[in-house]
Amino acid sequence: MNENNEAYDYSAIISLYKNTQREIDRYRDMEWKICYWTVILMTGTIAAFKYTLDILSQDIINRYQTFIIVGFNTFVFVAAAYGCWHIHFVHESLTENRKLRRKLEKLLNLSNLLPKKWMEKEVRYFKGIKHLLTWWSLIVVSALFALILINVKFDFDSRNFFLSILVICILYFFWKFISNIIER
């Protein structure tokens, strides 16, 4: 109660608390889901590559070998980079929502109802770094496995590998250019 003996209206804060908790619940499993979706995508890429080689004639494969390898390499790299970035984004959002929930718990004086060890813990991005490194490692290992299988099939021509890197760099700079235009 304030000096005029009126009760404070906490409905907006309680609504924000509920929405924050819903966001935390939504993001909780998403990091693992993104990780295994990306790993499954890499596995599907290997299968698509093998299937592509099986249905195409040897003449077409020889003629468009560079295009096929660069296309699959670029797809694998972009998918892996997107998966890692998305996990980072989700983890960052989860951390921010947990920080907000902690502030709201203190504001609503819920700290008396919750275990003391919960309230003493600081919520930080790097508290979950071991999980992030695990998920990123799974994605990177599956991407490397896919890249090795794709490139070994054609006796690993370094020219195709460097051409793939060039295409990836061009796509990155194009993406940065478009994102700068959109932000303006």
Protein backbone atom coordinates (compact mmCIF):
# COMPACT_ATOMS: atom_id res chain seq x y z
CA MET A 1 0.00 0.00 0.00
CA ASN A 2 1.14 3.54 -0.67
CA GLU A 3 0.64 6.66 1.49
CA ASN A 4 -3.00 7.01 0.40
CA ASN A 5 -3.75 3.44 1.54
CA GLU A 6 -4.31 2.28 -2.05
CA ALA A 7 -3.16 -1.14 -3.15
CA TYR A 8 -0.66 -1.32 -5.97
CA ASP A 9 -1.82 -2.95 -9.19
CA TYR A 10 0.71 -5.63 -10.07
CA SER A 11 -1.36 -7.10 -12.92
CA ALA A 12 0.95 -5.73 -15.65
CA ILE A 13 4.04 -7.11 -13.89
CA ILE A 14 2.37 -10.47 -13.30
CA SER A 15 1.35 -10.58 -16.97
CA LEU A 16 4.94 -9.82 -17.99
CA TYR A 17 6.16 -12.54 -15.63
CA LYS A 18 3.78 -15.10 -17.18
CA ASN A 19 4.80 -14.12 -20.72
CA THR A 20 8.47 -14.35 -19.79
CA GLN A 21 7.93 -17.81 -18.30
CA ARG A 22 6.11 -18.90 -21.48
CA GLU A 23 9.06 -17.72 -23.58
CA ILE A 24 11.48 -19.61 -21.34
CA ASP A 25 9.37 -22.76 -21.71
CA ARG A 26 9.29 -22.30 -25.48
CA TYR A 27 13.05 -21.81 -25.80
CA ARG A 28 14.06 -24.49 -23.30
CA ASP A 29 14.33 -27.45 -25.71
CA MET A 30 14.88 -25.45 -28.87
CA GLU A 31 18.69 -25.56 -28.72
CA TRP A 32 18.73 -29.36 -28.84
CA LYS A 33 16.07 -29.40 -31.54
CA ILE A 34 18.06 -27.04 -33.76
CA CYS A 35 21.16 -29.16 -33.23
CA TYR A 36 19.58 -32.43 -34.28
CA TRP A 37 17.64 -30.82 -37.13
CA THR A 38 20.94 -29.52 -38.50
CA VAL A 39 22.68 -32.88 -38.07
CA ILE A 40 19.77 -34.60 -39.82
CA LEU A 41 20.01 -32.01 -42.60
CA MET A 42 23.70 -32.88 -43.04
CA THR A 43 22.83 -36.57 -43.22
CA GLY A 44 20.14 -35.81 -45.79
CA THR A 45 22.64 -33.79 -47.80
CA ILE A 46 24.97 -36.79 -47.95
CA ALA A 47 22.07 -38.98 -49.09
CA ALA A 48 20.99 -36.40 -51.69
CA PHE A 49 24.56 -36.17 -52.96
CA LYS A 50 24.83 -39.94 -53.30
CA TYR A 51 21.42 -40.13 -54.97
CA THR A 52 22.36 -37.33 -57.37
CA LEU A 53 25.49 -39.21 -58.40
CA ASP A 54 23.53 -42.44 -58.85
CA ILE A 55 20.88 -40.98 -61.16
CA LEU A 56 23.13 -38.78 -63.29
CA SER A 57 25.09 -40.21 -66.18
CA GLN A 58 28.87 -40.25 -65.90
CA ASP A 59 29.09 -37.77 -68.81
CA ILE A 60 26.97 -35.19 -66.95
CA ILE A 61 28.90 -35.76 -63.71
CA ASN A 62 32.22 -35.19 -65.47
CA ARG A 63 30.96 -32.06 -67.21
CA TYR A 64 29.38 -30.45 -64.14
CA GLN A 65 31.61 -31.90 -61.42
CA THR A 66 32.78 -28.51 -60.14
CA PHE A 67 29.23 -27.14 -60.02
CA ILE A 68 27.96 -30.20 -58.15
CA ILE A 69 30.76 -30.14 -55.57
CA VAL A 70 30.65 -26.38 -55.03
CA GLY A 71 26.87 -26.46 -54.71
CA PHE A 72 26.84 -29.21 -52.10
CA ASN A 73 29.83 -27.73 -50.21
CA THR A 74 28.16 -24.33 -50.09
CA PHE A 75 24.87 -25.81 -48.91
CA VAL A 76 26.56 -27.79 -46.13
CA PHE A 77 28.56 -24.78 -44.94
CA VAL A 78 25.61 -22.39 -44.99
CA ALA A 79 23.35 -24.90 -43.20
CA ALA A 80 25.98 -25.52 -40.50
CA ALA A 81 26.65 -21.79 -40.02
CA TYR A 82 22.92 -21.07 -39.80
CA GLY A 83 22.42 -23.88 -37.28
CA CYS A 84 25.24 -22.57 -35.06
CA TRP A 85 23.99 -18.99 -35.33
CA HIS A 86 20.42 -20.03 -34.53
CA ILE A 87 21.55 -21.93 -31.42
CA HIS A 88 23.45 -18.81 -30.32
CA PHE A 89 20.36 -16.64 -30.90
CA VAL A 90 18.08 -18.98 -28.95
CA HIS A 91 20.57 -19.26 -26.08
CA GLU A 92 20.93 -15.48 -25.95
CA SER A 93 17.13 -15.03 -25.90
CA LEU A 94 16.76 -17.68 -23.21
CA THR A 95 19.40 -15.95 -21.08
CA GLU A 96 17.72 -12.54 -21.45
CA ASN A 97 14.32 -13.99 -20.52
CA ARG A 98 15.80 -15.72 -17.47
CA LYS A 99 17.42 -12.44 -16.37
CA LEU A 100 14.08 -10.67 -16.76
CA ARG A 101 12.29 -13.40 -14.80
CA ARG A 102 14.85 -13.08 -11.99
CA LYS A 103 14.27 -9.29 -11.81
CA LEU A 104 10.50 -9.79 -11.77
CA GLU A 105 10.78 -12.39 -9.01
CA LYS A 106 12.67 -9.86 -6.88
CA LEU A 107 10.18 -7.10 -7.76
CA LEU A 108 7.20 -9.30 -6.84
CA ASN A 109 9.04 -10.42 -3.70
CA LEU A 110 8.89 -14.06 -4.75
CA SER A 111 12.42 -14.59 -3.48
CA ASN A 112 10.95 -15.65 -0.12
CA LEU A 113 9.01 -18.48 -1.78
CA LEU A 114 11.84 -19.79 -3.96
CA PRO A 115 14.87 -21.77 -2.78
CA LYS A 116 17.68 -19.49 -1.70
CA LYS A 117 20.25 -21.20 -3.96
CA TRP A 118 18.16 -20.24 -7.03
CA MET A 119 18.10 -16.60 -6.12
CA GLU A 120 21.85 -16.48 -5.44
CA LYS A 121 22.78 -17.83 -8.87
CA GLU A 122 23.55 -15.20 -11.46
CA VAL A 123 22.06 -15.75 -14.90
CA ARG A 124 24.73 -15.24 -17.58
CA TYR A 125 25.22 -16.26 -21.19
CA PHE A 126 28.44 -18.13 -20.45
CA LYS A 127 26.91 -20.29 -17.72
CA GLY A 128 25.74 -22.60 -20.52
CA ILE A 129 28.89 -22.41 -22.65
CA LYS A 130 29.62 -26.13 -22.22
CA HIS A 131 26.23 -26.90 -23.77
CA LEU A 132 26.76 -24.42 -26.59
CA LEU A 133 30.17 -25.93 -27.37
CA THR A 134 28.64 -29.41 -27.39
CA TRP A 135 25.88 -28.43 -29.82
CA TRP A 136 28.23 -26.45 -32.06
CA SER A 137 30.70 -29.35 -32.05
CA LEU A 138 28.03 -31.82 -33.13
CA ILE A 139 27.05 -29.55 -36.01
CA VAL A 140 30.66 -28.89 -37.07
CA VAL A 141 31.59 -32.58 -36.92
CA SER A 142 28.56 -33.59 -39.00
CA ALA A 143 29.31 -30.79 -41.50
CA LEU A 144 32.96 -31.85 -41.77
CA PHE A 145 31.87 -35.44 -42.28
CA ALA A 146 29.52 -34.36 -45.07
CA LEU A 147 32.20 -32.18 -46.69
CA ILE A 148 34.76 -34.99 -46.56
CA LEU A 149 32.34 -37.49 -48.11
CA ILE A 150 31.39 -35.04 -50.84
CA ASN A 151 34.97 -34.09 -51.71
CA VAL A 152 36.55 -37.56 -51.39
CA LYS A 153 34.10 -38.92 -53.94
CA PHE A 154 35.95 -36.82 -56.54
CA ASP A 155 39.48 -37.44 -55.21
CA PHE A 156 39.49 -34.10 -53.35
CA ASP A 157 40.35 -31.42 -55.85
CA SER A 158 41.61 -28.40 -53.85
CA ARG A 159 40.45 -26.10 -56.66
CA ASN A 160 36.82 -27.09 -55.97
CA PHE A 161 37.32 -26.60 -52.24
CA PHE A 162 38.72 -23.08 -52.66
CA LEU A 163 36.00 -22.26 -55.18
CA SER A 164 33.46 -23.34 -52.55
CA ILE A 165 35.07 -21.00 -50.03
CA LEU A 166 34.95 -18.17 -52.58
CA VAL A 167 31.24 -18.79 -53.21
CA ILE A 168 30.59 -18.83 -49.46
CA CYS A 169 32.44 -15.52 -49.02
CA ILE A 170 30.48 -13.95 -51.87
CA LEU A 171 27.21 -15.16 -50.30
CA TYR A 172 28.29 -13.74 -46.93
CA PHE A 173 29.10 -10.31 -48.34
CA PHE A 174 25.88 -10.32 -50.34
CA TRP A 175 23.94 -11.16 -47.16
CA LYS A 176 25.69 -8.34 -45.24
CA PHE A 177 24.94 -5.92 -48.09
CA ILE A 178 21.25 -6.87 -48.17
CA SER A 179 20.94 -6.73 -44.35
CA ASN A 180 22.49 -3.22 -44.34
CA ILE A 181 19.97 -2.09 -46.94
CA ILE A 182 17.08 -3.56 -44.94
CA GLU A 183 18.24 -1.88 -41.70
CA ARG A 184 18.17 1.58 -43.28
